[in-house]
């Protein structure tokens, strides 16, 4: 039996088997994805970590600083744009330039500056999702990044007709993070692997989950 919880979606109470939903999507992706795509999905966070480590060396920074800046700028930015903005931020700061005109939100640019100047990302970053994203890029095996798509997968499983536009409260976040962790334990893998693999299902279905 999976872990059931009464969750509120659009004002209506629903009982859902969130572990079964996550497991169904995980096994579906594992069985229906090309080898190359599967390798990329499984290694999404190690690849992101390697990106940060390589650029940290190039800029003379620590890996945690680049990962923290990436995480700080991540809200509402696609991954490729997120990386570009992080590198542009570091380059500008090292050359004494301002961050005006960049896509990232001003409040997130301020957090990036604090991390560039040496502040611990976990002190500078706010919100469970962004902090978890940073930890996962740093290959932390206890945290898991729950975005609206990870939430939709847990609530609706393989049903691609359901929208991923769901507000993830702190209470719901913690419940879903535990569920992803429980699924990961079944396969003896890190929770971030379950999240990155199942996220590809969303990506393959035009943003639906």
N, C-alpha and C. Protein backbone atom coordinates (compact mmCIF):
# COMPACT_ATOMS: atom_id res chain seq x y z
N UNK A 1 0.84 -1.21 0.00
CA UNK A 1 0.00 0.00 0.00
C UNK A 1 0.87 1.25 0.00
N UNK A 2 0.43 2.22 -0.75
CA UNK A 2 1.19 3.46 -0.77
C UNK A 2 0.81 4.35 0.39
N UNK A 3 1.39 5.53 0.40
CA UNK A 3 1.10 6.50 1.46
C UNK A 3 -0.02 7.40 0.99
N UNK A 4 -1.15 7.37 1.69
CA UNK A 4 -2.28 8.19 1.29
C UNK A 4 -2.36 9.43 2.17
N UNK A 5 -2.78 10.51 1.59
CA UNK A 5 -2.95 11.73 2.36
C UNK A 5 -4.11 12.52 1.80
N UNK A 6 -4.87 13.17 2.66
CA UNK A 6 -5.96 14.02 2.20
C UNK A 6 -5.38 15.37 1.82
N UNK A 7 -5.35 15.63 0.54
CA UNK A 7 -4.78 16.86 0.02
C UNK A 7 -5.89 17.71 -0.58
N UNK A 8 -5.68 19.01 -0.56
CA UNK A 8 -6.69 19.90 -1.08
C UNK A 8 -6.24 20.47 -2.42
N UNK A 9 -6.99 20.14 -3.45
CA UNK A 9 -6.67 20.58 -4.81
C UNK A 9 -7.84 21.39 -5.34
N UNK A 10 -7.60 22.69 -5.57
CA UNK A 10 -8.63 23.58 -6.06
C UNK A 10 -9.86 23.59 -5.14
N UNK A 11 -9.60 23.48 -3.80
CA UNK A 11 -10.67 23.60 -2.83
C UNK A 11 -11.41 22.33 -2.52
N UNK A 12 -11.04 21.21 -3.13
CA UNK A 12 -11.74 19.96 -2.90
C UNK A 12 -10.82 18.95 -2.24
N UNK A 13 -11.29 18.29 -1.20
CA UNK A 13 -10.48 17.29 -0.52
C UNK A 13 -10.47 16.00 -1.34
N UNK A 14 -9.30 15.45 -1.55
CA UNK A 14 -9.18 14.21 -2.32
C UNK A 14 -8.19 13.29 -1.63
N UNK A 15 -8.50 11.99 -1.64
CA UNK A 15 -7.57 11.00 -1.12
C UNK A 15 -6.75 10.46 -2.28
N UNK A 16 -5.45 10.53 -2.17
CA UNK A 16 -4.59 10.08 -3.26
C UNK A 16 -3.49 9.18 -2.70
N UNK A 17 -3.11 8.18 -3.48
CA UNK A 17 -2.03 7.28 -3.11
C UNK A 17 -0.76 7.84 -3.76
N UNK A 18 -0.08 8.75 -3.06
CA UNK A 18 1.00 9.50 -3.69
C UNK A 18 2.21 8.63 -3.99
N UNK A 19 2.48 7.65 -3.16
CA UNK A 19 3.63 6.78 -3.44
C UNK A 19 3.37 5.95 -4.69
N UNK A 20 2.15 5.45 -4.84
CA UNK A 20 1.82 4.68 -6.05
C UNK A 20 1.94 5.56 -7.28
N UNK A 21 1.45 6.79 -7.20
CA UNK A 21 1.52 7.69 -8.35
C UNK A 21 2.97 7.95 -8.77
N UNK A 22 3.82 8.27 -7.79
CA UNK A 22 5.22 8.53 -8.10
C UNK A 22 5.89 7.28 -8.67
N UNK A 23 5.61 6.13 -8.06
CA UNK A 23 6.20 4.88 -8.52
C UNK A 23 5.75 4.54 -9.93
N UNK A 24 4.46 4.76 -10.23
CA UNK A 24 3.95 4.47 -11.57
C UNK A 24 4.68 5.30 -12.63
N UNK A 25 4.86 6.58 -12.33
CA UNK A 25 5.55 7.45 -13.30
C UNK A 25 7.02 7.05 -13.43
N UNK A 26 7.67 6.78 -12.31
CA UNK A 26 9.08 6.39 -12.32
C UNK A 26 9.27 5.13 -13.17
N UNK A 27 8.46 4.12 -12.93
CA UNK A 27 8.62 2.87 -13.67
C UNK A 27 8.23 3.03 -15.14
N UNK A 28 7.26 3.89 -15.41
CA UNK A 28 6.88 4.18 -16.80
C UNK A 28 8.05 4.79 -17.56
N UNK A 29 8.70 5.78 -16.95
CA UNK A 29 9.84 6.43 -17.61
C UNK A 29 10.99 5.45 -17.78
N UNK A 30 11.27 4.67 -16.75
CA UNK A 30 12.37 3.71 -16.82
C UNK A 30 12.16 2.69 -17.94
N UNK A 31 10.90 2.38 -18.23
CA UNK A 31 10.59 1.35 -19.23
C UNK A 31 10.35 1.90 -20.63
N UNK A 32 10.14 3.20 -20.75
CA UNK A 32 9.73 3.76 -22.04
C UNK A 32 10.58 4.92 -22.51
N UNK A 33 11.80 5.00 -22.02
CA UNK A 33 12.71 6.09 -22.38
C UNK A 33 13.96 5.51 -23.02
N UNK A 34 14.51 6.19 -24.02
CA UNK A 34 15.73 5.71 -24.66
C UNK A 34 16.87 5.69 -23.65
N UNK A 35 17.87 4.88 -23.93
CA UNK A 35 18.99 4.75 -23.00
C UNK A 35 19.69 6.09 -22.78
N UNK A 36 19.91 6.84 -23.85
CA UNK A 36 20.61 8.12 -23.72
C UNK A 36 19.81 9.10 -22.88
N UNK A 37 18.49 9.16 -23.11
CA UNK A 37 17.64 10.07 -22.35
C UNK A 37 17.56 9.64 -20.89
N UNK A 38 17.54 8.34 -20.67
CA UNK A 38 17.46 7.83 -19.31
C UNK A 38 18.73 8.14 -18.53
N UNK A 39 19.87 7.97 -19.17
CA UNK A 39 21.14 8.29 -18.52
C UNK A 39 21.18 9.77 -18.14
N UNK A 40 20.70 10.62 -19.07
CA UNK A 40 20.69 12.06 -18.79
C UNK A 40 19.75 12.39 -17.63
N UNK A 41 18.59 11.72 -17.58
CA UNK A 41 17.62 11.98 -16.51
C UNK A 41 18.15 11.52 -15.16
N UNK A 42 18.75 10.34 -15.12
CA UNK A 42 19.28 9.81 -13.87
C UNK A 42 20.41 10.67 -13.35
N UNK A 43 21.20 11.22 -14.26
CA UNK A 43 22.39 11.98 -13.88
C UNK A 43 22.19 13.49 -13.96
N UNK A 44 20.93 13.94 -13.94
CA UNK A 44 20.68 15.37 -14.10
C UNK A 44 21.42 16.19 -13.05
N UNK A 45 21.32 15.82 -11.80
CA UNK A 45 21.98 16.60 -10.75
C UNK A 45 23.50 16.43 -10.74
N UNK A 46 24.04 15.22 -10.95
CA UNK A 46 25.49 15.12 -11.09
C UNK A 46 26.03 15.95 -12.25
N UNK A 47 25.28 16.03 -13.35
CA UNK A 47 25.70 16.87 -14.48
C UNK A 47 25.67 18.34 -14.09
N UNK A 48 24.62 18.74 -13.37
CA UNK A 48 24.53 20.13 -12.90
C UNK A 48 25.67 20.43 -11.93
N UNK A 49 26.00 19.48 -11.08
CA UNK A 49 27.11 19.66 -10.14
C UNK A 49 28.43 19.82 -10.90
N UNK A 50 28.63 19.00 -11.92
CA UNK A 50 29.86 19.08 -12.71
C UNK A 50 29.96 20.43 -13.41
N UNK A 51 28.83 20.95 -13.90
CA UNK A 51 28.81 22.28 -14.51
C UNK A 51 29.29 23.33 -13.51
N UNK A 52 28.74 23.29 -12.31
CA UNK A 52 29.12 24.27 -11.28
C UNK A 52 30.58 24.12 -10.87
N UNK A 53 31.04 22.89 -10.76
CA UNK A 53 32.43 22.65 -10.36
C UNK A 53 33.40 23.17 -11.42
N UNK A 54 33.08 22.94 -12.69
CA UNK A 54 33.96 23.38 -13.78
C UNK A 54 34.04 24.90 -13.83
N UNK A 55 32.89 25.56 -13.70
CA UNK A 55 32.90 27.02 -13.77
C UNK A 55 33.45 27.65 -12.49
N UNK A 56 33.31 26.96 -11.38
CA UNK A 56 33.93 27.45 -10.15
C UNK A 56 35.44 27.51 -10.31
N UNK A 57 35.99 26.46 -10.90
CA UNK A 57 37.44 26.45 -11.13
C UNK A 57 37.83 27.54 -12.11
N UNK A 58 37.04 27.74 -13.15
CA UNK A 58 37.35 28.76 -14.16
C UNK A 58 37.30 30.17 -13.56
N UNK A 59 36.39 30.41 -12.64
CA UNK A 59 36.23 31.73 -12.03
C UNK A 59 37.03 31.91 -10.75
N UNK A 60 37.65 30.85 -10.27
CA UNK A 60 38.39 30.94 -9.02
C UNK A 60 37.50 30.98 -7.80
N UNK A 61 36.32 30.34 -7.90
CA UNK A 61 35.38 30.28 -6.79
C UNK A 61 35.27 28.85 -6.28
N UNK A 62 34.42 28.67 -5.27
CA UNK A 62 34.13 27.34 -4.77
C UNK A 62 32.89 26.79 -5.48
N UNK A 63 32.79 25.48 -5.59
CA UNK A 63 31.64 24.87 -6.25
C UNK A 63 30.34 25.29 -5.57
N UNK A 64 30.35 25.35 -4.24
CA UNK A 64 29.13 25.71 -3.52
C UNK A 64 28.68 27.13 -3.84
N UNK A 65 29.62 28.02 -4.18
CA UNK A 65 29.24 29.38 -4.53
C UNK A 65 28.50 29.42 -5.87
N UNK A 66 29.04 28.71 -6.85
CA UNK A 66 28.39 28.69 -8.16
C UNK A 66 27.03 28.00 -8.06
N UNK A 67 26.98 26.87 -7.33
CA UNK A 67 25.71 26.16 -7.16
C UNK A 67 24.70 27.05 -6.43
N UNK A 68 25.16 27.80 -5.44
CA UNK A 68 24.27 28.69 -4.71
C UNK A 68 23.74 29.81 -5.58
N UNK A 69 24.59 30.35 -6.43
CA UNK A 69 24.16 31.42 -7.34
C UNK A 69 23.17 30.88 -8.36
N UNK A 70 23.43 29.69 -8.88
CA UNK A 70 22.49 29.04 -9.80
C UNK A 70 21.14 28.88 -9.12
N UNK A 71 21.14 28.36 -7.90
CA UNK A 71 19.89 28.15 -7.18
C UNK A 71 19.18 29.47 -6.89
N UNK A 72 19.94 30.47 -6.50
CA UNK A 72 19.35 31.78 -6.17
C UNK A 72 18.60 32.38 -7.35
N UNK A 73 19.15 32.20 -8.55
CA UNK A 73 18.56 32.80 -9.74
C UNK A 73 17.52 31.92 -10.41
N UNK A 74 17.32 30.71 -9.91
CA UNK A 74 16.51 29.71 -10.61
C UNK A 74 15.02 29.99 -10.72
N UNK A 75 14.36 30.64 -9.76
CA UNK A 75 12.91 30.81 -9.88
C UNK A 75 12.47 31.45 -11.19
N UNK A 76 11.56 30.78 -11.87
CA UNK A 76 10.94 31.24 -13.11
C UNK A 76 11.91 31.30 -14.30
N UNK A 77 13.08 30.68 -14.18
CA UNK A 77 14.01 30.65 -15.30
C UNK A 77 14.17 29.21 -15.82
N UNK A 78 14.05 29.00 -17.14
CA UNK A 78 14.38 27.69 -17.71
C UNK A 78 15.83 27.35 -17.39
N UNK A 79 16.16 26.06 -17.37
CA UNK A 79 17.48 25.63 -16.93
C UNK A 79 18.60 26.26 -17.74
N UNK A 80 18.49 26.29 -19.06
CA UNK A 80 19.56 26.86 -19.87
C UNK A 80 19.76 28.34 -19.56
N UNK A 81 18.65 29.06 -19.46
CA UNK A 81 18.73 30.48 -19.13
C UNK A 81 19.25 30.68 -17.70
N UNK A 82 18.90 29.80 -16.80
CA UNK A 82 19.38 29.83 -15.42
C UNK A 82 20.90 29.77 -15.39
N UNK A 83 21.47 28.85 -16.15
CA UNK A 83 22.93 28.70 -16.20
C UNK A 83 23.58 29.94 -16.82
N UNK A 84 22.99 30.43 -17.89
CA UNK A 84 23.56 31.61 -18.56
C UNK A 84 23.54 32.82 -17.62
N UNK A 85 22.44 33.00 -16.91
CA UNK A 85 22.33 34.13 -15.99
C UNK A 85 23.32 34.01 -14.83
N UNK A 86 23.54 32.78 -14.37
CA UNK A 86 24.51 32.58 -13.28
C UNK A 86 25.92 32.96 -13.72
N UNK A 87 26.30 32.53 -14.91
CA UNK A 87 27.65 32.85 -15.40
C UNK A 87 27.79 34.35 -15.67
N UNK A 88 26.73 34.95 -16.21
CA UNK A 88 26.76 36.39 -16.46
C UNK A 88 26.86 37.16 -15.14
N UNK A 89 26.16 36.70 -14.13
CA UNK A 89 26.20 37.33 -12.80
C UNK A 89 27.61 37.30 -12.24
N UNK A 90 28.23 36.14 -12.27
CA UNK A 90 29.59 36.01 -11.72
C UNK A 90 30.56 36.87 -12.49
N UNK A 91 30.47 36.85 -13.81
CA UNK A 91 31.39 37.65 -14.65
C UNK A 91 31.25 39.13 -14.34
N UNK A 92 30.01 39.59 -14.20
CA UNK A 92 29.79 41.01 -13.90
C UNK A 92 30.33 41.37 -12.52
N UNK A 93 30.06 40.54 -11.54
CA UNK A 93 30.51 40.84 -10.18
C UNK A 93 32.03 40.84 -10.08
N UNK A 94 32.67 39.95 -10.79
CA UNK A 94 34.14 39.92 -10.75
C UNK A 94 34.75 41.13 -11.44
N UNK A 95 33.97 41.75 -12.32
CA UNK A 95 34.46 42.93 -13.02
C UNK A 95 33.89 44.23 -12.46
N UNK A 96 33.25 44.13 -11.29
CA UNK A 96 32.73 45.32 -10.64
C UNK A 96 31.54 45.95 -11.32
N UNK A 97 30.80 45.17 -12.10
CA UNK A 97 29.65 45.70 -12.82
C UNK A 97 28.36 45.41 -12.05
N UNK A 98 27.32 46.16 -12.33
CA UNK A 98 26.03 45.95 -11.69
C UNK A 98 25.28 44.82 -12.40
N UNK A 99 24.19 44.40 -11.77
CA UNK A 99 23.39 43.31 -12.35
C UNK A 99 22.09 43.83 -12.96
N UNK A 100 22.04 45.12 -13.24
CA UNK A 100 20.85 45.70 -13.85
C UNK A 100 20.55 45.12 -15.22
N UNK A 101 19.26 44.97 -15.52
CA UNK A 101 18.84 44.51 -16.84
C UNK A 101 18.83 43.00 -17.02
N UNK A 102 19.18 42.26 -15.99
CA UNK A 102 19.19 40.81 -16.11
C UNK A 102 17.79 40.25 -15.86
N UNK A 103 17.54 39.04 -16.34
CA UNK A 103 16.20 38.46 -16.26
C UNK A 103 15.80 38.07 -14.84
N UNK A 104 16.72 37.60 -14.05
CA UNK A 104 16.40 37.13 -12.70
C UNK A 104 15.79 38.26 -11.88
N UNK A 105 14.91 37.90 -10.97
CA UNK A 105 14.28 38.88 -10.10
C UNK A 105 15.32 39.62 -9.27
N UNK A 106 15.12 40.92 -9.03
CA UNK A 106 16.08 41.70 -8.23
C UNK A 106 16.38 41.09 -6.87
N UNK A 107 15.36 40.57 -6.18
CA UNK A 107 15.60 39.97 -4.86
C UNK A 107 16.51 38.75 -4.98
N UNK A 108 16.40 38.02 -6.08
CA UNK A 108 17.25 36.85 -6.28
C UNK A 108 18.66 37.24 -6.68
N UNK A 109 18.79 38.34 -7.39
CA UNK A 109 20.13 38.86 -7.71
C UNK A 109 20.85 39.25 -6.42
N UNK A 110 20.11 39.84 -5.48
CA UNK A 110 20.71 40.23 -4.20
C UNK A 110 21.22 39.00 -3.44
N UNK A 111 20.47 37.92 -3.49
CA UNK A 111 20.91 36.68 -2.84
C UNK A 111 22.16 36.14 -3.52
N UNK A 112 22.21 36.24 -4.85
CA UNK A 112 23.38 35.78 -5.59
C UNK A 112 24.63 36.58 -5.20
N UNK A 113 24.46 37.88 -5.01
CA UNK A 113 25.58 38.73 -4.59
C UNK A 113 26.10 38.30 -3.23
N UNK A 114 25.19 38.02 -2.31
CA UNK A 114 25.58 37.60 -0.97
C UNK A 114 26.38 36.30 -1.02
N UNK A 115 25.95 35.37 -1.86
CA UNK A 115 26.66 34.09 -1.99
C UNK A 115 28.01 34.30 -2.67
N UNK A 116 28.05 35.15 -3.67
CA UNK A 116 29.31 35.48 -4.33
C UNK A 116 30.31 36.05 -3.32
N UNK A 117 29.79 36.82 -2.37
CA UNK A 117 30.66 37.44 -1.36
C UNK A 117 30.99 36.52 -0.20
N UNK A 118 30.55 35.27 -0.27
CA UNK A 118 30.98 34.28 0.71
C UNK A 118 29.95 33.79 1.69
N UNK A 119 28.71 34.31 1.61
CA UNK A 119 27.69 33.86 2.56
C UNK A 119 27.25 32.43 2.23
N UNK A 120 26.98 31.64 3.26
CA UNK A 120 26.49 30.28 3.07
C UNK A 120 25.16 30.31 2.32
N UNK A 121 25.03 29.57 1.21
CA UNK A 121 23.78 29.60 0.45
C UNK A 121 22.55 29.27 1.28
N UNK A 122 22.69 28.38 2.26
CA UNK A 122 21.54 28.01 3.07
C UNK A 122 21.08 29.15 3.96
N UNK A 123 21.96 30.13 4.20
CA UNK A 123 21.58 31.33 4.93
C UNK A 123 20.98 32.38 4.00
N UNK A 124 21.48 32.42 2.77
CA UNK A 124 21.04 33.45 1.82
C UNK A 124 19.74 33.07 1.10
N UNK A 125 19.58 31.79 0.81
CA UNK A 125 18.44 31.35 0.03
C UNK A 125 17.19 31.25 0.88
N UNK A 126 16.04 31.44 0.24
CA UNK A 126 14.77 31.32 0.95
C UNK A 126 13.86 30.31 0.28
N UNK A 127 13.00 29.68 1.05
CA UNK A 127 12.04 28.74 0.49
C UNK A 127 12.56 27.32 0.43
N UNK A 128 11.69 26.37 0.69
CA UNK A 128 12.10 24.96 0.71
C UNK A 128 12.58 24.49 -0.66
N UNK A 129 11.90 24.92 -1.73
CA UNK A 129 12.26 24.43 -3.05
C UNK A 129 13.65 24.90 -3.47
N UNK A 130 13.94 26.17 -3.31
CA UNK A 130 15.23 26.71 -3.75
C UNK A 130 16.37 26.15 -2.91
N UNK A 131 16.15 26.03 -1.62
CA UNK A 131 17.18 25.46 -0.76
C UNK A 131 17.43 23.99 -1.12
N UNK A 132 16.36 23.25 -1.40
CA UNK A 132 16.52 21.86 -1.80
C UNK A 132 17.21 21.75 -3.15
N UNK A 133 16.89 22.66 -4.06
CA UNK A 133 17.53 22.66 -5.37
C UNK A 133 19.04 22.84 -5.22
N UNK A 134 19.44 23.77 -4.38
CA UNK A 134 20.87 23.96 -4.11
C UNK A 134 21.48 22.70 -3.53
N UNK A 135 20.83 22.12 -2.54
CA UNK A 135 21.37 20.91 -1.90
C UNK A 135 21.47 19.76 -2.89
N UNK A 136 20.48 19.63 -3.78
CA UNK A 136 20.53 18.56 -4.76
C UNK A 136 21.65 18.78 -5.78
N UNK A 137 21.88 20.01 -6.18
CA UNK A 137 23.01 20.29 -7.07
C UNK A 137 24.32 19.93 -6.37
N UNK A 138 24.35 20.10 -5.07
CA UNK A 138 25.53 19.71 -4.29
C UNK A 138 25.50 18.22 -3.93
N UNK A 139 24.55 17.49 -4.55
CA UNK A 139 24.43 16.02 -4.44
C UNK A 139 24.07 15.55 -3.04
N UNK A 140 23.33 16.37 -2.32
CA UNK A 140 22.80 15.95 -1.03
C UNK A 140 21.77 14.84 -1.25
N UNK A 141 21.90 13.74 -0.54
CA UNK A 141 21.04 12.58 -0.78
C UNK A 141 19.85 12.50 0.17
N UNK A 142 19.63 13.54 0.95
CA UNK A 142 18.49 13.53 1.87
C UNK A 142 17.38 14.49 1.43
N UNK A 143 17.73 15.53 0.71
CA UNK A 143 16.73 16.51 0.27
C UNK A 143 16.17 16.12 -1.10
N UNK A 144 15.03 16.70 -1.44
CA UNK A 144 14.43 16.48 -2.75
C UNK A 144 13.71 17.75 -3.17
N UNK A 145 13.88 18.12 -4.42
CA UNK A 145 13.29 19.35 -4.94
C UNK A 145 11.86 19.09 -5.40
N UNK A 146 10.91 19.75 -4.77
CA UNK A 146 9.50 19.59 -5.12
C UNK A 146 9.01 20.86 -5.78
N UNK A 147 8.88 20.83 -7.11
CA UNK A 147 8.28 21.96 -7.81
C UNK A 147 6.84 21.59 -8.16
N UNK A 148 6.15 22.44 -8.90
CA UNK A 148 4.74 22.18 -9.19
C UNK A 148 4.56 20.92 -10.03
N UNK A 149 5.58 20.58 -10.82
CA UNK A 149 5.48 19.38 -11.64
C UNK A 149 5.66 18.12 -10.80
N UNK A 150 6.61 18.16 -9.87
CA UNK A 150 6.79 17.03 -8.95
C UNK A 150 5.52 16.84 -8.13
N UNK A 151 4.88 17.94 -7.77
CA UNK A 151 3.62 17.88 -7.03
C UNK A 151 2.53 17.24 -7.88
N UNK A 152 2.40 17.66 -9.13
CA UNK A 152 1.37 17.12 -10.01
C UNK A 152 1.57 15.63 -10.26
N UNK A 153 2.82 15.20 -10.39
CA UNK A 153 3.11 13.78 -10.56
C UNK A 153 2.64 12.98 -9.36
N UNK A 154 2.90 13.51 -8.17
CA UNK A 154 2.49 12.82 -6.95
C UNK A 154 0.97 12.77 -6.81
N UNK A 155 0.29 13.82 -7.22
CA UNK A 155 -1.16 13.88 -7.07
C UNK A 155 -1.90 13.12 -8.15
N UNK A 156 -1.37 13.17 -9.39
CA UNK A 156 -2.12 12.65 -10.52
C UNK A 156 -1.45 11.49 -11.25
N UNK A 157 -0.21 11.18 -10.91
CA UNK A 157 0.47 10.05 -11.54
C UNK A 157 0.60 10.18 -13.04
N UNK A 158 0.15 9.16 -13.76
CA UNK A 158 0.30 9.11 -15.21
C UNK A 158 -0.75 9.92 -15.96
N UNK A 159 -1.64 10.56 -15.26
CA UNK A 159 -2.72 11.31 -15.91
C UNK A 159 -2.20 12.63 -16.46
N UNK A 160 -1.87 12.64 -17.75
CA UNK A 160 -1.30 13.84 -18.37
C UNK A 160 -2.34 14.92 -18.62
N UNK A 161 -3.62 14.59 -18.41
CA UNK A 161 -4.66 15.60 -18.62
C UNK A 161 -4.73 16.58 -17.46
N UNK A 162 -4.10 16.22 -16.33
CA UNK A 162 -4.14 17.08 -15.17
C UNK A 162 -3.08 18.17 -15.25
N UNK A 163 -3.42 19.34 -14.79
CA UNK A 163 -2.50 20.47 -14.84
C UNK A 163 -1.46 20.40 -13.74
N UNK A 164 -0.29 21.00 -14.02
CA UNK A 164 0.75 21.10 -13.01
C UNK A 164 0.69 22.41 -12.25
N UNK A 165 -0.37 23.20 -12.45
CA UNK A 165 -0.49 24.51 -11.80
C UNK A 165 -1.07 24.34 -10.40
N UNK A 166 -0.23 23.96 -9.45
CA UNK A 166 -0.67 23.71 -8.08
C UNK A 166 0.24 24.47 -7.13
N UNK A 167 -0.36 25.13 -6.16
CA UNK A 167 0.44 25.82 -5.15
C UNK A 167 0.96 24.81 -4.14
N UNK A 168 2.27 24.77 -3.97
CA UNK A 168 2.88 23.81 -3.05
C UNK A 168 3.15 24.51 -1.72
N UNK A 169 2.29 24.28 -0.75
CA UNK A 169 2.48 24.84 0.58
C UNK A 169 3.62 24.10 1.29
N UNK A 170 4.11 24.68 2.39
CA UNK A 170 5.19 24.01 3.13
C UNK A 170 4.74 22.65 3.64
N UNK A 171 3.49 22.56 4.09
CA UNK A 171 2.97 21.28 4.59
C UNK A 171 2.93 20.25 3.48
N UNK A 172 2.42 20.64 2.32
CA UNK A 172 2.36 19.72 1.18
C UNK A 172 3.76 19.37 0.71
N UNK A 173 4.66 20.36 0.71
CA UNK A 173 6.04 20.13 0.29
C UNK A 173 6.67 19.00 1.11
N UNK A 174 6.54 19.10 2.42
CA UNK A 174 7.17 18.12 3.30
C UNK A 174 6.56 16.73 3.12
N UNK A 175 5.25 16.68 2.92
CA UNK A 175 4.58 15.41 2.68
C UNK A 175 5.09 14.76 1.39
N UNK A 176 5.18 15.56 0.33
CA UNK A 176 5.62 15.01 -0.96
C UNK A 176 7.10 14.66 -0.94
N UNK A 177 7.92 15.46 -0.25
CA UNK A 177 9.35 15.14 -0.14
C UNK A 177 9.55 13.79 0.53
N UNK A 178 8.75 13.53 1.56
CA UNK A 178 8.84 12.23 2.24
C UNK A 178 8.41 11.11 1.30
N UNK A 179 7.38 11.35 0.50
CA UNK A 179 6.91 10.32 -0.43
C UNK A 179 7.98 10.00 -1.48
N UNK A 180 8.61 11.03 -2.05
CA UNK A 180 9.68 10.80 -3.02
C UNK A 180 10.84 10.04 -2.37
N UNK A 181 11.13 10.37 -1.12
CA UNK A 181 12.19 9.68 -0.39
C UNK A 181 11.83 8.22 -0.16
N UNK A 182 10.58 7.96 0.19
CA UNK A 182 10.13 6.59 0.40
C UNK A 182 10.22 5.77 -0.88
N UNK A 183 9.85 6.38 -2.01
CA UNK A 183 9.97 5.67 -3.29
C UNK A 183 11.44 5.39 -3.61
N UNK A 184 12.30 6.37 -3.37
CA UNK A 184 13.73 6.19 -3.64
C UNK A 184 14.31 5.04 -2.84
N UNK A 185 13.85 4.88 -1.60
CA UNK A 185 14.36 3.81 -0.75
C UNK A 185 13.99 2.44 -1.30
N UNK A 186 12.88 2.36 -2.01
CA UNK A 186 12.48 1.09 -2.62
C UNK A 186 13.49 0.63 -3.67
N UNK A 187 14.15 1.58 -4.31
CA UNK A 187 15.09 1.28 -5.38
C UNK A 187 16.55 1.48 -4.95
N UNK A 188 16.74 1.88 -3.69
CA UNK A 188 18.07 2.13 -3.16
C UNK A 188 18.82 3.19 -3.97
N UNK A 189 18.12 4.28 -4.26
CA UNK A 189 18.71 5.39 -4.99
C UNK A 189 18.43 6.69 -4.24
N UNK A 190 19.09 7.77 -4.64
CA UNK A 190 18.88 9.07 -4.00
C UNK A 190 17.51 9.63 -4.40
N UNK A 191 16.84 10.31 -3.48
CA UNK A 191 15.54 10.91 -3.82
C UNK A 191 15.61 11.83 -5.04
N UNK A 192 16.73 12.54 -5.19
CA UNK A 192 16.81 13.45 -6.34
C UNK A 192 16.79 12.72 -7.67
N UNK A 193 17.16 11.44 -7.67
CA UNK A 193 17.10 10.65 -8.92
C UNK A 193 15.64 10.37 -9.28
N UNK A 194 14.83 10.01 -8.30
CA UNK A 194 13.41 9.79 -8.56
C UNK A 194 12.78 11.07 -9.10
N UNK A 195 13.14 12.20 -8.50
CA UNK A 195 12.56 13.47 -8.95
C UNK A 195 13.01 13.82 -10.37
N UNK A 196 14.28 13.67 -10.67
CA UNK A 196 14.77 14.06 -12.00
C UNK A 196 14.27 13.10 -13.08
N UNK A 197 14.13 11.82 -12.76
CA UNK A 197 13.61 10.86 -13.73
C UNK A 197 12.13 11.10 -14.00
N UNK A 198 11.34 11.28 -12.96
CA UNK A 198 9.91 11.49 -13.17
C UNK A 198 9.64 12.84 -13.81
N UNK A 199 10.49 13.82 -13.56
CA UNK A 199 10.31 15.13 -14.19
C UNK A 199 10.38 15.02 -15.71
N UNK A 200 11.16 14.07 -16.23
CA UNK A 200 11.26 13.92 -17.68
C UNK A 200 9.92 13.51 -18.28
N UNK A 201 9.07 12.86 -17.49
CA UNK A 201 7.73 12.51 -17.97
C UNK A 201 6.93 13.78 -18.23
N UNK A 202 7.04 14.74 -17.32
CA UNK A 202 6.40 16.04 -17.53
C UNK A 202 6.96 16.72 -18.78
N UNK A 203 8.29 16.69 -18.89
CA UNK A 203 8.94 17.35 -20.01
C UNK A 203 8.55 16.73 -21.35
N UNK A 204 8.27 15.44 -21.36
CA UNK A 204 7.93 14.74 -22.60
C UNK A 204 6.46 14.91 -22.97
N UNK A 205 5.68 15.53 -22.09
CA UNK A 205 4.26 15.67 -22.32
C UNK A 205 3.81 17.13 -22.38
N UNK A 206 4.68 17.95 -22.94
CA UNK A 206 4.30 19.33 -23.17
C UNK A 206 3.98 20.13 -21.94
N UNK A 207 4.68 19.82 -20.83
CA UNK A 207 4.47 20.58 -19.60
C UNK A 207 3.38 20.03 -18.73
N UNK A 208 2.71 18.97 -19.18
CA UNK A 208 1.69 18.34 -18.35
C UNK A 208 2.32 17.23 -17.52
N UNK A 209 1.65 16.85 -16.47
CA UNK A 209 2.23 15.82 -15.60
C UNK A 209 1.15 14.85 -15.16
